[in-house]
Amino acid sequence: MIPLIGITTKRIDPDSPMPTHAVSEAYVHAILRAGGTPVMIPSSLPIDQLINHVSHLDGILFTGGGDIHPALFNGNPHPSVYDVDQQRDELEIALIKAVITAGIPFLCICRGIQVFNIALGGTLYTDIADQLPGALRHDWFPGHPRDLMAHKITVEKHSRLFSILKTNSTSVNSLHHQGIHIPAEGLRISATSPDGLIEAVEISDHPYALGVQWHPEWLINSEPMQGLFSSLVHAASE
């Protein structure tokens, strides 16, 4: 059986007469290339129906997108916060908790790693440039190629991430202005950037629970980056 991989979506024009659920094709291609079948998860799915729907999926990919409402992590308001969708926020936080409890493999990307951290009680920088002293530039968008290698990361040995990337140092793209401030209890930090920002976290005793701050879906011509999706699909197939 080809594993079914649920992919979280964003809502476009949620207040219009014709709201739309959407996901970047780059995520779809990455899952297909890894041998999985992508299944879109509507961000307006009623939370009380989550368990029923999740039980039919073999793995979950939490995608990037707009900012998470600061009220959900006691964050400081900031004028750079954009594209907030509280319905999506609440659904994805509930979904993270559900897949952890159910032992379903999941991979979180950019916004996804932030949802992962918040769901378990962690906090975020609402704007890295203003709140992290000595921060690198992390918001290489818009106006830059999405595969621009913005900075290096250091990967912790003996982590799941290290076993996938097979290196303790690599370059990544960077398309975000928020990031993990205080990591949640139970999360293992598996990569950092030179300014100390957390770039990857995981749960050691879960079948597959990994979050990365960069966007590997734009880097799938790199075998290690495609390996993130392949490892998710492999875990889901088991």
Protein backbone atom coordinates (compact mmCIF):
# COMPACT_ATOMS: atom_id res chain seq x y z
CA MET A 1 0.00 0.00 0.00
CA ILE A 2 1.20 3.50 -0.85
CA PRO A 3 1.02 5.58 2.36
CA LEU A 4 -1.45 8.45 2.52
CA ILE A 5 0.23 11.67 3.65
CA GLY A 6 -2.07 14.44 4.85
CA ILE A 7 -0.90 17.94 3.93
CA THR A 8 -2.18 20.96 5.85
CA THR A 9 -3.58 23.81 3.79
CA LYS A 10 -4.14 27.53 4.03
CA ARG A 11 -7.32 29.45 3.29
CA ILE A 12 -7.32 32.13 0.61
CA ASP A 13 -9.92 34.91 0.99
CA PRO A 14 -11.62 33.18 3.96
CA ASP A 15 -14.14 36.02 4.32
CA SER A 16 -15.11 36.12 0.65
CA PRO A 17 -18.15 34.36 -0.87
CA MET A 18 -15.76 31.77 -2.38
CA PRO A 19 -12.99 30.93 0.14
CA THR A 20 -10.38 28.53 -1.18
CA HIS A 21 -8.18 25.89 0.44
CA ALA A 22 -4.72 25.75 -1.11
CA VAL A 23 -1.28 24.23 -0.73
CA SER A 24 1.94 24.93 -2.62
CA GLU A 25 2.59 22.42 -5.37
CA ALA A 26 6.17 22.08 -4.11
CA TYR A 27 4.93 20.08 -1.09
CA VAL A 28 2.82 17.85 -3.32
CA HIS A 29 5.77 17.13 -5.63
CA ALA A 30 8.04 16.34 -2.67
CA ILE A 31 5.59 13.78 -1.27
CA LEU A 32 4.92 12.21 -4.68
CA ARG A 33 8.65 11.99 -5.36
CA ALA A 34 9.08 10.25 -2.00
CA GLY A 35 6.49 7.63 -2.94
CA GLY A 36 3.52 8.86 -0.92
CA THR A 37 0.01 9.89 -1.90
CA PRO A 38 -0.74 13.50 -0.88
CA VAL A 39 -4.13 14.22 0.70
CA MET A 40 -5.16 17.80 1.44
CA ILE A 41 -6.41 18.56 4.97
CA PRO A 42 -8.88 21.50 4.90
CA SER A 43 -7.88 24.13 7.44
CA SER A 44 -11.56 24.69 8.24
CA LEU A 45 -12.12 21.05 9.20
CA PRO A 46 -14.12 20.94 12.45
CA ILE A 47 -11.80 20.04 15.31
CA ASP A 48 -14.27 17.50 16.67
CA GLN A 49 -13.86 15.53 13.43
CA LEU A 50 -10.05 15.43 13.58
CA ILE A 51 -9.60 12.00 15.13
CA ASN A 52 -11.90 10.34 12.63
CA HIS A 53 -10.06 11.85 9.67
CA VAL A 54 -6.55 11.44 11.04
CA SER A 55 -7.14 7.74 11.65
CA HIS A 56 -7.30 7.22 7.87
CA LEU A 57 -3.89 8.83 7.25
CA ASP A 58 -0.45 7.23 7.53
CA GLY A 59 1.52 10.45 7.99
CA ILE A 60 1.09 14.23 8.17
CA LEU A 61 3.03 17.11 6.61
CA PHE A 62 2.53 20.46 8.37
CA THR A 63 3.25 23.18 5.83
CA GLY A 64 4.40 26.79 5.94
CA GLY A 65 2.21 29.87 5.69
CA GLY A 66 1.14 32.95 7.59
CA ASP A 67 1.93 33.86 11.18
CA ILE A 68 0.35 32.26 14.22
CA HIS A 69 -1.75 34.55 16.40
CA PRO A 70 0.48 35.84 19.24
CA ALA A 71 -2.31 35.27 21.79
CA LEU A 72 -1.83 31.51 21.37
CA PHE A 73 1.68 31.66 22.87
CA ASN A 74 1.57 34.86 24.95
CA GLY A 75 3.65 36.55 22.29
CA ASN A 76 4.40 40.25 22.02
CA PRO A 77 2.32 42.00 19.33
CA HIS A 78 4.40 43.24 16.39
CA PRO A 79 3.52 45.24 13.26
CA SER A 80 5.20 42.64 11.03
CA VAL A 81 2.71 39.90 12.00
CA TYR A 82 0.73 39.01 8.87
CA ASP A 83 -1.81 36.63 7.32
CA VAL A 84 -3.14 35.32 10.65
CA ASP A 85 -5.88 32.66 10.44
CA GLN A 86 -6.91 31.63 13.94
CA GLN A 87 -9.11 28.82 12.66
CA ARG A 88 -6.10 27.26 10.97
CA ASP A 89 -3.97 27.89 14.07
CA GLU A 90 -6.41 26.10 16.35
CA LEU A 91 -6.93 23.20 13.96
CA GLU A 92 -3.21 22.57 13.51
CA ILE A 93 -2.44 22.83 17.23
CA ALA A 94 -5.15 20.23 17.88
CA LEU A 95 -3.84 18.11 15.00
CA ILE A 96 -0.27 18.12 16.39
CA LYS A 97 -1.58 16.89 19.74
CA ALA A 98 -3.68 14.21 18.04
CA VAL A 99 -0.85 12.77 15.92
CA ILE A 100 1.53 12.74 18.88
CA THR A 101 -0.99 10.79 20.94
CA ALA A 102 -1.79 8.44 18.04
CA GLY A 103 1.88 7.86 17.16
CA ILE A 104 1.36 8.96 13.54
CA PRO A 105 4.56 10.08 11.75
CA PHE A 106 4.69 13.79 10.98
CA LEU A 107 7.05 16.39 9.52
CA CYS A 108 6.67 20.13 10.22
CA ILE A 109 8.06 22.84 7.93
CA CYS A 110 8.58 26.54 8.78
CA ARG A 111 5.21 27.63 10.24
CA GLY A 112 4.76 23.92 11.01
CA ILE A 113 7.69 23.77 13.43
CA GLN A 114 6.28 26.84 15.18
CA VAL A 115 2.87 25.18 15.54
CA PHE A 116 4.67 22.06 16.84
CA ASN A 117 6.39 24.09 19.55
CA ILE A 118 3.27 26.04 20.55
CA ALA A 119 1.13 22.90 20.74
CA LEU A 120 3.46 21.52 23.42
CA GLY A 121 3.70 24.75 25.39
CA GLY A 122 6.65 26.58 23.82
CA THR A 123 6.87 30.20 22.67
CA LEU A 124 7.98 32.14 19.57
CA TYR A 125 9.77 35.32 18.65
CA THR A 126 7.03 37.35 16.97
CA ASP A 127 9.81 39.06 15.00
CA ILE A 128 13.33 37.64 15.08
CA ALA A 129 15.08 40.78 13.84
CA ASP A 130 13.65 42.87 16.69
CA GLN A 131 13.74 40.30 19.49
CA LEU A 132 16.87 38.14 19.00
CA PRO A 133 20.05 40.13 19.67
CA GLY A 134 22.65 39.57 16.94
CA ALA A 135 20.16 37.81 14.66
CA LEU A 136 21.02 36.91 11.10
CA ARG A 137 18.60 37.90 8.40
CA HIS A 138 16.03 35.09 8.19
CA ASP A 139 13.29 36.75 6.11
CA TRP A 140 14.65 36.25 2.59
CA PHE A 141 11.27 36.93 1.02
CA PRO A 142 9.78 38.26 -1.16
CA GLY A 143 12.00 39.20 -4.09
CA HIS A 144 14.53 36.39 -3.65
CA PRO A 145 14.71 32.86 -5.10
CA ARG A 146 13.04 30.38 -2.74
CA ASP A 147 16.04 28.09 -3.04
CA LEU A 148 18.52 30.78 -1.99
CA MET A 149 20.89 29.25 0.56
CA ALA A 150 20.78 31.95 3.22
CA HIS A 151 22.93 30.51 6.01
CA LYS A 152 24.38 27.37 7.51
CA ILE A 153 22.95 25.25 10.30
CA THR A 154 24.68 22.98 12.79
CA VAL A 155 23.04 19.58 13.19
CA GLU A 156 23.26 17.66 16.45
CA LYS A 157 24.88 14.25 16.17
CA HIS A 158 22.82 11.23 17.24
CA SER A 159 19.60 13.07 16.28
CA ARG A 160 17.04 11.78 13.79
CA LEU A 161 17.83 14.81 11.63
CA PHE A 162 21.51 13.88 11.54
CA SER A 163 20.62 10.34 10.45
CA ILE A 164 18.64 11.81 7.53
CA LEU A 165 20.97 14.61 6.39
CA LYS A 166 24.13 12.62 7.23
CA THR A 167 26.07 15.76 8.09
CA ASN A 168 26.56 18.04 11.07
CA SER A 169 26.63 21.20 8.93
CA THR A 170 24.69 22.24 5.85
CA SER A 171 23.25 25.33 4.19
CA VAL A 172 19.51 26.06 4.10
CA ASN A 173 17.08 28.57 2.68
CA SER A 174 15.31 30.94 5.09
CA LEU A 175 11.81 32.30 4.48
CA HIS A 176 10.49 33.37 7.87
CA HIS A 177 10.53 36.26 10.33
CA GLN A 178 9.29 34.30 13.38
CA GLY A 179 10.92 31.36 15.10
CA ILE A 180 11.16 29.33 18.29
CA HIS A 181 12.04 31.36 21.37
CA ILE A 182 11.51 28.95 24.29
CA PRO A 183 11.33 25.32 23.18
CA ALA A 184 8.56 23.18 24.63
CA GLU A 185 9.35 20.57 27.23
CA GLY A 186 9.90 17.22 25.55
CA LEU A 187 11.32 18.64 22.33
CA ARG A 188 14.91 17.85 21.45
CA ILE A 189 16.78 20.64 19.64
CA SER A 190 18.46 19.01 16.65
CA ALA A 191 19.77 22.01 14.68
CA THR A 192 20.62 25.69 15.20
CA SER A 193 21.73 28.59 13.03
CA PRO A 194 24.92 30.60 13.75
CA ASP A 195 22.93 33.22 15.71
CA GLY A 196 21.54 30.53 18.00
CA LEU A 197 18.05 30.37 16.50
CA ILE A 198 16.53 26.89 16.74
CA GLU A 199 16.28 25.40 13.24
CA ALA A 200 15.01 21.88 13.99
CA VAL A 201 13.34 19.97 16.82
CA GLU A 202 12.16 16.40 17.27
CA ILE A 203 10.62 13.98 19.76
CA SER A 204 13.05 11.16 20.42
CA ASP A 205 10.57 8.47 21.50
CA HIS A 206 7.96 9.06 18.79
CA PRO A 207 7.86 6.94 15.58
CA TYR A 208 8.63 10.09 13.56
CA ALA A 209 8.12 13.63 14.90
CA LEU A 210 10.42 16.19 13.27
CA GLY A 211 10.21 19.92 12.58
CA VAL A 212 12.52 22.11 10.49
CA GLN A 213 12.46 25.89 10.15
CA TRP A 214 13.69 26.05 6.55
CA HIS A 215 11.81 24.98 3.38
CA PRO A 216 13.18 21.67 2.06
CA GLU A 217 10.33 21.40 -0.48
CA TRP A 218 12.19 24.00 -2.56
CA LEU A 219 15.45 22.02 -2.28
CA ILE A 220 14.38 18.52 -3.38
CA ASN A 221 17.10 18.31 -6.03
CA SER A 222 19.37 17.90 -3.01
CA GLU A 223 19.27 14.25 -1.96
CA PRO A 224 19.54 15.03 1.79
CA MET A 225 16.67 17.54 1.60
CA GLN A 226 14.46 15.17 -0.39
CA GLY A 227 15.46 12.63 2.25
CA LEU A 228 13.31 14.49 4.78
CA PHE A 229 10.21 13.64 2.75
CA SER A 230 11.43 10.14 1.91
CA SER A 231 12.03 9.38 5.58
CA LEU A 232 8.54 10.62 6.46
CA VAL A 233 6.93 8.41 3.80
CA HIS A 234 9.09 5.46 4.88
CA ALA A 235 8.01 5.91 8.51
CA ALA A 236 4.38 6.22 7.40
CA SER A 237 4.62 3.01 5.40
CA GLU A 238 5.64 1.11 8.54
